[in-house]
Amino acid sequence: MTGIINIITTGNDRNTIEYIGKKLVEMRLAACAQIVGPIKSIYWWKGRVEEAEEWHCVMKSTKNLYKKIEEAITKLHPYELPEIIAIGIEDALPEYAQWVTDETEPAAQT
């Protein structure tokens, strides 16, 4: 296990998702953020099936920063219930994993 994670969130506005990704990188909570979209989401919400065009943001960070990331996204995100999930990275190029750790280390120390 590397200790690095991918954090995923989605939103219905490209500018908002780019803002969240950039803010987390600036805060050193994420080493990078990748924005993809638009994507089509189909999901249950309040008793009915909904469809929406959304944008997908994947951020690279470390497991020990997950709670701080969750708090930051929750504050920045306009959704009532934003998708915030983390997926552990089992294997990675060692130099890449070290880069993610190095770039997020200042946030881990606060």
Protein backbone atom coordinates (compact mmCIF):
# COMPACT_ATOMS: atom_id res chain seq x y z
CA MET A 1 0.00 0.00 0.00
CA THR A 2 1.31 3.43 -0.94
CA GLY A 3 -0.62 5.72 1.42
CA ILE A 4 -1.84 7.80 -1.51
CA ILE A 5 -5.48 8.11 -2.51
CA ASN A 6 -7.65 9.40 -5.31
CA ILE A 7 -10.43 11.65 -4.04
CA ILE A 8 -13.40 11.98 -6.36
CA THR A 9 -16.11 14.60 -6.42
CA THR A 10 -18.60 15.68 -9.07
CA GLY A 11 -20.62 18.81 -9.72
CA ASN A 12 -22.94 20.30 -12.30
CA ASP A 13 -20.80 23.32 -13.12
CA ARG A 14 -17.31 23.20 -14.65
CA ASN A 15 -16.20 26.45 -13.03
CA THR A 16 -17.22 25.29 -9.57
CA ILE A 17 -15.44 21.94 -9.91
CA GLU A 18 -12.32 23.66 -11.28
CA TYR A 19 -12.45 26.08 -8.35
CA ILE A 20 -12.68 23.22 -5.83
CA GLY A 21 -9.79 21.35 -7.48
CA LYS A 22 -7.60 24.44 -7.66
CA LYS A 23 -8.40 25.46 -4.09
CA LEU A 24 -7.43 22.03 -2.71
CA VAL A 25 -4.15 22.11 -4.66
CA GLU A 26 -3.44 25.65 -3.39
CA MET A 27 -4.18 24.49 0.18
CA ARG A 28 -1.68 21.62 -0.40
CA LEU A 29 -4.43 19.12 0.41
CA ALA A 30 -4.04 17.65 -3.07
CA ALA A 31 -0.92 17.34 -5.22
CA CYS A 32 -3.01 17.68 -8.39
CA ALA A 33 -6.58 17.78 -9.63
CA GLN A 34 -7.85 16.41 -12.92
CA ILE A 35 -11.15 17.66 -14.33
CA VAL A 36 -13.10 15.56 -16.83
CA GLY A 37 -16.41 16.27 -18.45
CA PRO A 38 -19.02 16.73 -19.10
CA ILE A 39 -20.29 13.34 -18.00
CA LYS A 40 -23.86 12.12 -17.70
CA SER A 41 -25.00 11.04 -14.25
CA ILE A 42 -28.13 8.99 -13.60
CA TYR A 43 -28.99 8.54 -9.92
CA TRP A 44 -31.69 8.20 -7.28
CA TRP A 45 -32.44 11.44 -5.43
CA LYS A 46 -35.33 12.01 -3.05
CA GLY A 47 -37.39 9.10 -4.31
CA ARG A 48 -36.93 9.47 -8.05
CA VAL A 49 -34.43 8.86 -10.80
CA GLU A 50 -32.62 12.03 -11.88
CA GLU A 51 -30.29 12.75 -14.78
CA ALA A 52 -27.71 15.51 -14.89
CA GLU A 53 -24.71 16.70 -16.84
CA GLU A 54 -21.82 16.87 -14.41
CA TRP A 55 -18.07 17.37 -14.21
CA HIS A 56 -15.75 14.87 -12.55
CA CYS A 57 -12.76 15.88 -10.41
CA VAL A 58 -10.09 13.39 -9.32
CA MET A 59 -7.49 14.64 -6.86
CA LYS A 60 -4.30 12.91 -5.68
CA SER A 61 -3.48 13.11 -1.99
CA THR A 62 -2.58 11.03 1.04
CA LYS A 63 -4.83 8.98 3.29
CA ASN A 64 -3.95 11.00 6.39
CA LEU A 65 -5.41 14.15 4.76
CA TYR A 66 -8.79 12.65 3.88
CA LYS A 67 -10.77 14.28 6.74
CA LYS A 68 -9.33 17.74 5.94
CA ILE A 69 -10.17 17.23 2.27
CA GLU A 70 -13.70 16.11 3.12
CA GLU A 71 -14.21 19.22 5.27
CA ALA A 72 -12.83 21.53 2.57
CA ILE A 73 -14.95 20.05 -0.23
CA THR A 74 -18.07 20.15 1.96
CA LYS A 75 -17.51 23.88 2.62
CA LEU A 76 -16.79 24.71 -1.04
CA HIS A 77 -19.36 22.49 -2.75
CA PRO A 78 -22.83 23.80 -3.61
CA TYR A 79 -24.55 20.38 -3.48
CA GLU A 80 -26.67 19.42 -0.49
CA LEU A 81 -24.95 16.01 -0.55
CA PRO A 82 -21.76 16.07 -2.64
CA GLU A 83 -20.01 12.93 -3.78
CA ILE A 84 -16.78 12.74 -1.81
CA ILE A 85 -15.06 9.38 -2.00
CA ALA A 86 -11.50 8.20 -1.61
CA ILE A 87 -9.97 5.21 -3.35
CA GLY A 88 -6.72 3.83 -1.98
CA ILE A 89 -3.89 3.29 -4.43
CA GLU A 90 -2.39 -0.12 -3.86
CA ASP A 91 0.61 0.29 -6.16
CA ALA A 92 2.19 3.31 -7.83
CA LEU A 93 5.48 4.33 -9.36
CA PRO A 94 7.52 4.99 -6.17
CA GLU A 95 8.74 8.37 -7.41
CA TYR A 96 5.16 9.44 -8.19
CA ALA A 97 3.90 8.34 -4.77
CA GLN A 98 6.77 10.28 -3.17
CA TRP A 99 5.88 13.38 -5.23
CA VAL A 100 2.25 13.22 -4.01
CA THR A 101 3.47 12.87 -0.42
CA ASP A 102 6.01 15.70 -0.76
CA GLU A 103 3.49 18.11 -2.29
CA THR A 104 0.87 17.50 0.39
CA GLU A 105 3.21 17.26 3.38
CA PRO A 106 2.80 20.95 4.42
CA ALA A 107 -0.97 20.41 4.89
CA ALA A 108 -0.38 17.25 6.89
CA GLN A 109 1.71 19.20 9.39
CA THR A 110 -1.00 21.77 10.19
